[in-house]
């Protein structure tokens, strides 16, 4: 959420930000509601002052004057009731309009319409050239008897699957390796709840906007998370932290659920775009300092790159353009890993910087020891690994001519030392 004072001072900045991000936000209407709301509240304060003055004067007045004072109090009360009614009507409208206002992108973020205009900044690793006809991950999964999409669809509908045997073990190995990698880098591991109240979804910026992508439990007024970012970021919402606690650096493993509304016919093959998956997520909550946010943005990106380098997977890093940024993101890096069956690099990680956008929504603050003032925290997050999507490049890039798949070196300790997954005989 944006400080309304900033919008008042520079409305054109936020009008342009909404245009650049292709997000509907009615800034003129917001400012109109803000002016009316401030006017009504100012009048209410004046009425309260006048009521207090008149009320104190009544006992001292002569009988003939008391009736006039009492009539004045009655008039003030009627005006107060009318203004309170206006505030009651205006406040929800103002709050809803303010939630729609996007965070302006950093100045170095390019203006673009969608992900086709994201800007590549580097590539890492060598793309493998095969000397045999490679199989895709679904063909490999069937031959190795480790993936069963047909029965997943039969039981749970489209975009569902089973992983079994070495497929399940490889999936868990990737996740456990990622957790261990992050713990070694000083991140606090957390097991998180998967059902969130609307307040947490709104606080982290998913509502309004992502309702159609979320599995909502209307009966219980709860939502299945699409990422552990929500519980990790909202963990201390509504609290005032001490500066000594910061930065909070956490890593969580969760199942994730996404409806993929509007994605009909898109990426339907295999394990790329599915309804349920598991993800290791990293979150940083730090001081309200732009330079510090930038340092942590680089750090969380480096963490994810470190995981991919350890797995030996080629990837590229892109800076996401304005049209592909979310409402609260000031800047985002996407990491895209090479997937032979998709004929190119495909997104596996997103590193996002929010400044105080999420913290202001969550009322997450810290007390500065020097000024003794409370400031909103800054927040950042990034994928560490998401599976089974990451199994696509692992299976496809580590396959052998005999149909087997070599297990990446760093994952072997998690598979009892197994170095190869063999086809069923």
Protein backbone atom coordinates (compact mmCIF):
# COMPACT_ATOMS: atom_id res chain seq x y z
CA UNK A 1 0.00 0.00 0.00
CA UNK A 2 1.18 3.51 -0.78
CA UNK A 3 1.28 6.39 1.72
CA UNK A 4 -1.61 8.65 0.70
CA UNK A 5 0.60 11.70 1.40
CA UNK A 6 2.93 10.62 -1.41
CA UNK A 7 -0.02 10.28 -3.80
CA UNK A 8 -1.32 13.73 -2.84
CA UNK A 9 2.11 15.26 -3.48
CA UNK A 10 2.70 13.59 -6.84
CA UNK A 11 -0.44 12.01 -8.32
CA UNK A 12 1.02 11.91 -11.83
CA UNK A 13 3.75 9.52 -10.66
CA UNK A 14 1.16 6.97 -9.58
CA UNK A 15 -1.06 7.50 -12.60
CA UNK A 16 1.96 6.73 -14.78
CA UNK A 17 2.96 3.77 -12.58
CA UNK A 18 -0.49 2.22 -13.04
CA UNK A 19 -0.28 2.80 -16.78
CA UNK A 20 3.21 1.26 -16.98
CA UNK A 21 2.13 -1.78 -14.96
CA UNK A 22 -1.16 -2.08 -16.86
CA UNK A 23 -3.08 -2.02 -13.59
CA UNK A 24 -6.45 -0.32 -13.07
CA UNK A 25 -6.13 2.35 -10.38
CA UNK A 26 -8.39 5.40 -10.32
CA UNK A 27 -6.09 8.02 -8.77
CA UNK A 28 -8.41 11.05 -9.41
CA UNK A 29 -11.31 9.26 -7.75
CA UNK A 30 -9.06 8.27 -4.83
CA UNK A 31 -7.96 11.87 -4.31
CA UNK A 32 -11.57 13.07 -4.50
CA UNK A 33 -12.59 10.54 -1.84
CA UNK A 34 -9.55 11.55 0.21
CA UNK A 35 -10.47 15.26 0.06
CA UNK A 36 -14.08 14.60 1.03
CA UNK A 37 -13.00 12.26 3.83
CA UNK A 38 -10.47 14.73 5.23
CA UNK A 39 -13.04 17.54 5.04
CA UNK A 40 -15.62 15.47 6.91
CA UNK A 41 -13.10 14.46 9.60
CA UNK A 42 -11.94 18.06 10.03
CA UNK A 43 -15.53 19.18 10.49
CA UNK A 44 -16.08 16.38 13.02
CA UNK A 45 -13.09 17.59 15.01
CA UNK A 46 -14.44 21.15 14.93
CA UNK A 47 -17.86 19.92 16.07
CA UNK A 48 -16.30 17.92 18.92
CA UNK A 49 -14.43 21.05 20.05
CA UNK A 50 -17.58 23.16 19.83
CA UNK A 51 -19.67 20.56 21.67
CA UNK A 52 -17.11 20.44 24.44
CA UNK A 53 -17.04 24.24 24.74
CA UNK A 54 -20.83 24.61 24.75
CA UNK A 55 -21.30 21.69 27.11
CA UNK A 56 -18.92 23.16 29.68
CA UNK A 57 -20.66 26.52 29.48
CA UNK A 58 -24.19 25.25 30.15
CA UNK A 59 -23.97 25.01 33.98
CA UNK A 60 -22.75 28.60 34.13
CA UNK A 61 -25.48 30.06 31.92
CA UNK A 62 -28.62 31.79 32.99
CA UNK A 63 -31.87 29.89 32.50
CA UNK A 64 -32.80 31.92 29.44
CA UNK A 65 -29.45 31.16 27.79
CA UNK A 66 -29.41 27.46 28.61
CA UNK A 67 -32.19 26.67 26.13
CA UNK A 68 -30.21 28.34 23.35
CA UNK A 69 -27.06 26.34 24.30
CA UNK A 70 -29.00 23.08 24.50
CA UNK A 71 -30.54 23.77 21.08
CA UNK A 72 -27.05 24.41 19.74
CA UNK A 73 -25.84 21.09 21.15
CA UNK A 74 -28.77 19.34 19.48
CA UNK A 75 -27.90 21.01 16.18
CA UNK A 76 -24.24 19.99 16.52
CA UNK A 77 -25.26 16.40 17.29
CA UNK A 78 -27.34 16.24 14.10
CA UNK A 79 -24.45 17.59 12.06
CA UNK A 80 -22.14 15.06 13.73
CA UNK A 81 -24.45 12.17 12.86
CA UNK A 82 -24.63 13.32 9.24
CA UNK A 83 -20.85 13.63 8.95
CA UNK A 84 -20.29 10.26 10.63
CA UNK A 85 -22.60 8.77 8.03
CA UNK A 86 -20.51 10.34 5.28
CA UNK A 87 -17.29 8.98 6.81
CA UNK A 88 -18.86 5.54 7.15
CA UNK A 89 -19.68 5.62 3.43
CA UNK A 90 -16.45 7.22 2.23
CA UNK A 91 -13.91 5.24 4.30
CA UNK A 92 -14.51 1.83 2.64
CA UNK A 93 -14.40 3.46 -0.80
CA UNK A 94 -11.16 5.26 0.04
CA UNK A 95 -9.58 2.10 1.49
CA UNK A 96 -10.53 0.03 -1.56
CA UNK A 97 -9.20 2.64 -4.00
CA UNK A 98 -5.94 2.98 -2.06
CA UNK A 99 -5.36 -0.79 -2.19
CA UNK A 100 -5.46 -0.60 -6.00
CA UNK A 101 -2.59 1.89 -6.29
CA UNK A 102 0.61 0.21 -7.53
CA UNK A 103 4.15 0.74 -6.36
CA UNK A 104 6.10 2.68 -8.99
CA UNK A 105 8.86 0.62 -10.58
CA UNK A 106 12.47 1.54 -9.91
CA UNK A 107 13.88 4.06 -12.41
CA UNK A 108 16.16 1.44 -13.98
CA UNK A 109 13.26 -0.90 -14.80
CA UNK A 110 12.39 -0.77 -18.48
CA UNK A 111 8.87 0.07 -19.64
CA UNK A 112 7.30 -2.86 -21.47
CA UNK A 113 3.96 -4.53 -22.06
CA UNK A 114 4.62 -8.13 -20.92
CA UNK A 115 7.26 -10.83 -20.36
CA UNK A 116 8.33 -10.73 -24.00
CA UNK A 117 9.93 -7.36 -23.23
CA UNK A 118 11.89 -8.43 -20.15
CA UNK A 119 15.59 -7.61 -20.38
CA UNK A 120 18.21 -10.36 -20.19
CA UNK A 121 21.27 -9.38 -18.17
CA UNK A 122 23.34 -12.59 -18.20
CA UNK A 123 23.48 -16.30 -18.93
CA UNK A 124 25.20 -18.93 -16.82
CA UNK A 125 26.18 -22.50 -17.66
CA UNK A 126 26.44 -24.38 -20.92
CA UNK A 127 23.37 -25.62 -22.76
CA UNK A 128 23.85 -29.32 -23.42
CA UNK A 129 24.13 -30.53 -27.01
CA UNK A 130 22.88 -34.11 -27.37
CA UNK A 131 24.52 -36.73 -29.59
CA UNK A 132 21.32 -38.80 -29.45
CA UNK A 133 17.60 -38.06 -29.76
CA UNK A 134 16.62 -36.79 -26.29
CA UNK A 135 13.30 -37.52 -24.63
CA UNK A 136 11.17 -34.96 -22.82
CA UNK A 137 10.47 -35.27 -19.09
CA UNK A 138 7.10 -36.97 -19.60
CA UNK A 139 8.59 -39.62 -21.89
CA UNK A 140 11.43 -40.12 -19.42
CA UNK A 141 9.04 -40.25 -16.49
CA UNK A 142 6.95 -42.97 -18.12
CA UNK A 143 9.97 -45.01 -19.19
CA UNK A 144 11.52 -44.74 -15.73
CA UNK A 145 8.14 -45.35 -14.06
CA UNK A 146 8.50 -42.24 -11.87
CA UNK A 147 5.73 -39.94 -13.21
CA UNK A 148 2.05 -40.77 -13.70
CA UNK A 149 0.04 -37.88 -15.12
CA UNK A 150 -2.82 -40.00 -16.46
CA UNK A 151 -3.92 -41.23 -13.02
CA UNK A 152 -3.32 -37.81 -11.49
CA UNK A 153 -5.80 -36.35 -13.98
CA UNK A 154 -8.22 -39.20 -13.40
CA UNK A 155 -8.29 -38.59 -9.66
CA UNK A 156 -7.89 -34.82 -9.47
CA UNK A 157 -8.56 -33.31 -12.90
CA UNK A 158 -6.35 -31.51 -15.39
CA UNK A 159 -2.90 -30.26 -14.36
CA UNK A 160 -2.46 -32.95 -11.71
CA UNK A 161 0.04 -35.80 -11.45
CA UNK A 162 1.67 -38.48 -9.32
CA UNK A 163 5.39 -38.76 -8.64
CA UNK A 164 6.44 -42.20 -7.50
CA UNK A 165 9.49 -44.23 -6.62
CA UNK A 166 12.68 -42.44 -7.57
CA UNK A 167 10.59 -39.57 -8.97
CA UNK A 168 9.18 -38.83 -5.51
CA UNK A 169 12.61 -39.28 -3.94
CA UNK A 170 14.20 -36.91 -6.46
CA UNK A 171 11.46 -34.34 -5.79
CA UNK A 172 12.04 -34.50 -2.03
CA UNK A 173 15.81 -34.49 -2.51
CA UNK A 174 15.66 -31.21 -4.43
CA UNK A 175 13.53 -29.59 -1.73
CA UNK A 176 15.67 -30.85 1.15
CA UNK A 177 18.88 -29.78 -0.58
CA UNK A 178 17.44 -26.28 -1.06
CA UNK A 179 16.47 -26.03 2.61
CA UNK A 180 19.91 -27.18 3.76
CA UNK A 181 21.56 -24.77 1.32
CA UNK A 182 19.64 -21.81 2.77
CA UNK A 183 20.08 -22.81 6.42
CA UNK A 184 23.83 -22.93 5.79
CA UNK A 185 23.53 -19.32 4.57
CA UNK A 186 21.93 -18.18 7.81
CA UNK A 187 18.22 -18.33 6.99
CA UNK A 188 15.83 -19.53 9.70
CA UNK A 189 13.84 -22.59 8.55
CA UNK A 190 10.11 -22.45 9.18
CA UNK A 191 7.22 -24.86 8.66
CA UNK A 192 4.22 -22.71 7.80
CA UNK A 193 0.40 -22.95 7.74
CA UNK A 194 -1.12 -23.37 4.29
CA UNK A 195 -4.48 -21.76 5.00
CA UNK A 196 -4.43 -17.98 5.31
CA UNK A 197 -7.03 -15.43 6.33
CA UNK A 198 -7.90 -12.64 3.90
CA UNK A 199 -5.93 -10.18 6.06
CA UNK A 200 -2.68 -12.01 5.30
CA UNK A 201 -3.49 -12.23 1.59
CA UNK A 202 -4.30 -8.52 1.48
CA UNK A 203 -1.31 -7.63 3.60
CA UNK A 204 1.13 -9.31 1.23
CA UNK A 205 -0.54 -7.73 -1.79
CA UNK A 206 -2.31 -10.75 -3.28
CA UNK A 207 -5.73 -9.26 -2.58
CA UNK A 208 -7.16 -7.49 -4.40
CA UNK A 209 -6.07 -8.96 -7.72
CA UNK A 210 -5.28 -12.64 -7.24
CA UNK A 211 -8.66 -13.89 -6.03
CA UNK A 212 -9.30 -15.76 -9.27
CA UNK A 213 -5.97 -17.57 -9.00
CA UNK A 214 -6.57 -18.63 -5.40
CA UNK A 215 -8.38 -21.66 -4.03
CA UNK A 216 -10.72 -20.00 -1.56
CA UNK A 217 -12.43 -21.82 1.32
CA UNK A 218 -15.49 -19.55 1.54
CA UNK A 219 -17.14 -21.61 4.25
CA UNK A 220 -14.18 -21.06 6.59
CA UNK A 221 -13.08 -17.69 5.16
CA UNK A 222 -9.62 -19.06 4.46
CA UNK A 223 -7.38 -19.31 1.39
CA UNK A 224 -4.92 -21.99 0.27
CA UNK A 225 -1.55 -20.32 -0.23
CA UNK A 226 0.05 -20.08 -3.65
CA UNK A 227 3.44 -19.57 -2.02
CA UNK A 228 5.07 -19.62 1.42
CA UNK A 229 5.81 -15.93 0.84
CA UNK A 230 2.44 -15.16 2.39
CA UNK A 231 2.88 -16.79 5.82
CA UNK A 232 6.61 -15.98 6.01
CA UNK A 233 6.14 -12.29 5.21
CA UNK A 234 2.99 -11.91 7.33
CA UNK A 235 4.44 -13.84 10.29
CA UNK A 236 4.93 -10.68 12.40
CA UNK A 237 2.16 -8.56 10.88
CA UNK A 238 0.71 -5.94 13.23
CA UNK A 239 3.84 -5.93 15.39
CA UNK A 240 6.52 -3.36 16.18
CA UNK A 241 9.91 -5.04 15.99
CA UNK A 242 13.08 -3.90 17.66
CA UNK A 243 15.80 -2.76 15.26
CA UNK A 244 18.09 -5.43 16.74
CA UNK A 245 15.81 -8.16 15.36
CA UNK A 246 16.39 -7.04 11.79
CA UNK A 247 17.00 -8.38 9.27
CA UNK A 248 14.60 -11.31 9.58
CA UNK A 249 15.82 -13.91 7.08
CA UNK A 250 13.56 -16.94 6.80
CA UNK A 251 13.15 -19.93 4.51
CA UNK A 252 10.03 -22.06 4.33
CA UNK A 253 8.89 -25.18 2.51
CA UNK A 254 5.24 -25.42 1.61
CA UNK A 255 2.83 -27.02 -0.77
CA UNK A 256 1.42 -24.36 -3.10
CA UNK A 257 -1.96 -24.22 -4.81
CA UNK A 258 -2.89 -22.18 -7.88
CA UNK A 259 -6.06 -22.31 -9.95
CA UNK A 260 -4.28 -21.16 -13.13
CA UNK A 261 -7.46 -19.30 -14.09
CA UNK A 262 -7.17 -17.91 -17.59
CA UNK A 263 -4.43 -20.37 -18.51
CA UNK A 264 -6.67 -22.77 -20.41
CA UNK A 265 -4.72 -24.33 -23.25
CA UNK A 266 -1.44 -22.78 -22.05
CA UNK A 267 1.48 -24.99 -20.96
CA UNK A 268 -0.82 -27.97 -20.50
CA UNK A 269 1.86 -30.55 -21.31
CA UNK A 270 3.78 -32.18 -18.50
CA UNK A 271 4.76 -30.67 -15.18
CA UNK A 272 5.34 -27.02 -16.05
CA UNK A 273 2.02 -25.34 -15.16
CA UNK A 274 0.15 -27.35 -12.54
CA UNK A 275 -2.33 -26.77 -9.72
CA UNK A 276 -0.27 -28.14 -6.83
CA UNK A 277 3.47 -28.14 -6.25
CA UNK A 278 6.03 -27.72 -3.49
CA UNK A 279 8.30 -24.73 -3.14
CA UNK A 280 11.11 -23.53 -0.92
CA UNK A 281 10.75 -19.76 -0.48
CA UNK A 282 13.12 -17.20 1.03
CA UNK A 283 11.89 -13.97 2.65
CA UNK A 284 13.81 -11.01 4.05
CA UNK A 285 12.34 -8.32 6.30
CA UNK A 286 14.78 -5.45 6.80
CA UNK A 287 15.10 -1.80 7.78
CA UNK A 288 13.45 0.98 5.80
CA UNK A 289 16.55 1.72 3.75
CA UNK A 290 16.76 1.63 -0.06
CA UNK A 291 20.42 0.65 -0.12
CA UNK A 292 19.80 -2.19 2.31
CA UNK A 293 16.87 -3.41 0.22
CA UNK A 294 19.07 -3.39 -2.87
CA UNK A 295 21.76 -5.42 -1.10
CA UNK A 296 19.27 -8.04 0.01
CA UNK A 297 17.73 -8.14 -3.45
CA UNK A 298 21.16 -9.09 -4.79
CA UNK A 299 21.59 -11.60 -1.97
CA UNK A 300 18.36 -13.51 -2.51
CA UNK A 301 19.04 -13.63 -6.24
CA UNK A 302 22.54 -15.01 -5.56
CA UNK A 303 21.05 -17.65 -3.25
CA UNK A 304 18.82 -19.01 -6.01
CA UNK A 305 21.61 -18.87 -8.56
CA UNK A 306 23.78 -20.78 -6.12
CA UNK A 307 21.24 -23.60 -5.99
CA UNK A 308 21.05 -23.82 -9.79
CA UNK A 309 24.84 -23.77 -10.11
CA UNK A 310 25.11 -26.55 -7.54
CA UNK A 311 22.60 -28.57 -9.57
CA UNK A 312 24.60 -27.89 -12.73
CA UNK A 313 21.66 -26.34 -14.61
CA UNK A 314 22.13 -23.61 -17.25
CA UNK A 315 20.01 -20.52 -16.73
CA UNK A 316 19.62 -16.86 -17.53
CA UNK A 317 18.64 -13.84 -15.43
CA UNK A 318 16.24 -11.20 -16.71
CA UNK A 319 15.03 -7.89 -15.29
CA UNK A 320 11.25 -7.89 -15.51
CA UNK A 321 9.70 -4.94 -17.36
CA UNK A 322 6.91 -2.80 -15.93
CA UNK A 323 4.09 -4.63 -17.68
CA UNK A 324 5.15 -7.92 -16.09
CA UNK A 325 5.51 -6.53 -12.56
CA UNK A 326 2.96 -7.10 -9.83
CA UNK A 327 1.18 -4.30 -8.01
CA UNK A 328 3.63 -4.12 -5.12
CA UNK A 329 6.90 -4.96 -6.84
CA UNK A 330 9.40 -2.16 -7.34
CA UNK A 331 11.81 -4.45 -9.19
CA UNK A 332 11.93 -8.14 -10.00
CA UNK A 333 14.50 -10.51 -11.40
CA UNK A 334 13.30 -13.71 -13.05
CA UNK A 335 15.62 -16.66 -13.30
CA UNK A 336 14.83 -18.90 -16.28
CA UNK A 337 16.31 -22.38 -16.53
CA UNK A 338 17.02 -24.13 -19.82
CA UNK A 339 14.41 -26.79 -20.64
CA UNK A 340 15.14 -28.76 -23.83
CA UNK A 341 11.53 -29.86 -24.37
CA UNK A 342 10.36 -26.23 -24.25
CA UNK A 343 13.09 -25.15 -26.63
CA UNK A 344 14.48 -22.41 -24.42
CA UNK A 345 14.71 -20.81 -21.01
CA UNK A 346 11.61 -20.95 -18.81
CA UNK A 347 10.91 -19.24 -15.51
CA UNK A 348 11.83 -21.12 -12.34
CA UNK A 349 12.49 -18.26 -9.87
CA UNK A 350 11.25 -14.71 -9.21
CA UNK A 351 13.15 -12.35 -6.89
CA UNK A 352 10.97 -9.41 -5.82
CA UNK A 353 11.64 -6.18 -3.94
CA UNK A 354 8.69 -4.34 -2.35
CA UNK A 355 10.17 -1.59 -0.19
CA UNK A 356 7.45 -0.78 2.42
CA UNK A 357 4.47 -1.70 0.20
CA UNK A 358 3.67 -4.99 1.97
CA UNK A 359 4.71 -3.84 5.45
CA UNK A 360 2.44 -0.78 5.28
CA UNK A 361 -0.50 -3.05 4.43
CA UNK A 362 0.43 -5.40 7.28
CA UNK A 363 1.30 -2.62 9.74
CA UNK A 364 4.69 -4.27 10.20
CA UNK A 365 7.06 -1.75 11.81
CA UNK A 366 10.25 -1.44 13.81
CA UNK A 367 11.42 1.14 16.34
CA UNK A 368 14.52 3.08 15.35
CA UNK A 369 16.87 3.25 18.37
CA UNK A 370 18.20 6.70 17.43
CA UNK A 371 15.02 8.62 16.68
CA UNK A 372 12.70 6.43 18.80
CA UNK A 373 10.27 6.62 15.88
CA UNK A 374 8.49 3.68 14.26
CA UNK A 375 9.17 2.94 10.60
CA UNK A 376 7.61 0.46 8.20
CA UNK A 377 9.92 -2.42 7.32
CA UNK A 378 11.04 -3.32 3.81
CA UNK A 379 10.30 -6.82 2.47
CA UNK A 380 11.75 -9.03 -0.25
CA UNK A 381 11.24 -12.60 -1.42
CA UNK A 382 12.46 -15.13 -3.96
CA UNK A 383 12.00 -18.75 -4.90
CA UNK A 384 14.81 -21.02 -3.75
CA UNK A 385 13.45 -23.99 -5.71
CA UNK A 386 10.05 -25.14 -6.93
CA UNK A 387 9.33 -28.77 -7.72
CA UNK A 388 8.28 -30.63 -9.79
CA UNK A 389 8.91 -27.79 -12.30
CA UNK A 390 12.65 -28.00 -11.64
CA UNK A 391 12.50 -31.75 -12.40
CA UNK A 392 11.91 -30.84 -16.06
CA UNK A 393 15.46 -29.57 -16.66
CA UNK A 394 17.01 -32.09 -14.26
CA UNK A 395 15.48 -35.10 -16.02
CA UNK A 396 15.94 -33.74 -19.53
CA UNK A 397 19.47 -32.42 -19.15
CA UNK A 398 20.82 -35.36 -17.14
CA UNK A 399 19.37 -38.09 -19.37
CA UNK A 400 21.61 -40.66 -21.02
CA UNK A 401 21.45 -42.49 -24.33
CA UNK A 402 20.44 -45.73 -22.59
CA UNK A 403 17.31 -44.05 -21.16
CA UNK A 404 18.69 -43.63 -17.65
CA UNK A 405 19.01 -40.31 -15.82
CA UNK A 406 22.11 -39.35 -13.87
CA UNK A 407 21.39 -37.95 -10.42
CA UNK A 408 23.10 -34.57 -9.87
CA UNK A 409 26.03 -34.95 -7.49
CA UNK A 410 24.61 -32.70 -4.76
CA UNK A 411 21.36 -34.70 -4.61
CA UNK A 412 22.90 -38.15 -4.20
CA UNK A 413 23.23 -37.97 -0.40
CA UNK A 414 19.45 -37.51 -0.26
CA UNK A 415 18.88 -40.63 -2.40
CA UNK A 416 21.04 -42.97 -0.31
CA UNK A 417 23.98 -42.40 -2.65
CA UNK A 418 22.12 -43.43 -5.82
CA UNK A 419 23.86 -41.98 -8.86
CA UNK A 420 21.47 -43.04 -11.60
CA UNK A 421 17.77 -43.68 -12.17
CA UNK A 422 17.37 -46.65 -14.48
CA UNK A 423 14.50 -47.56 -16.83
CA UNK A 424 12.22 -50.30 -15.63
CA UNK A 425 13.09 -53.64 -17.12
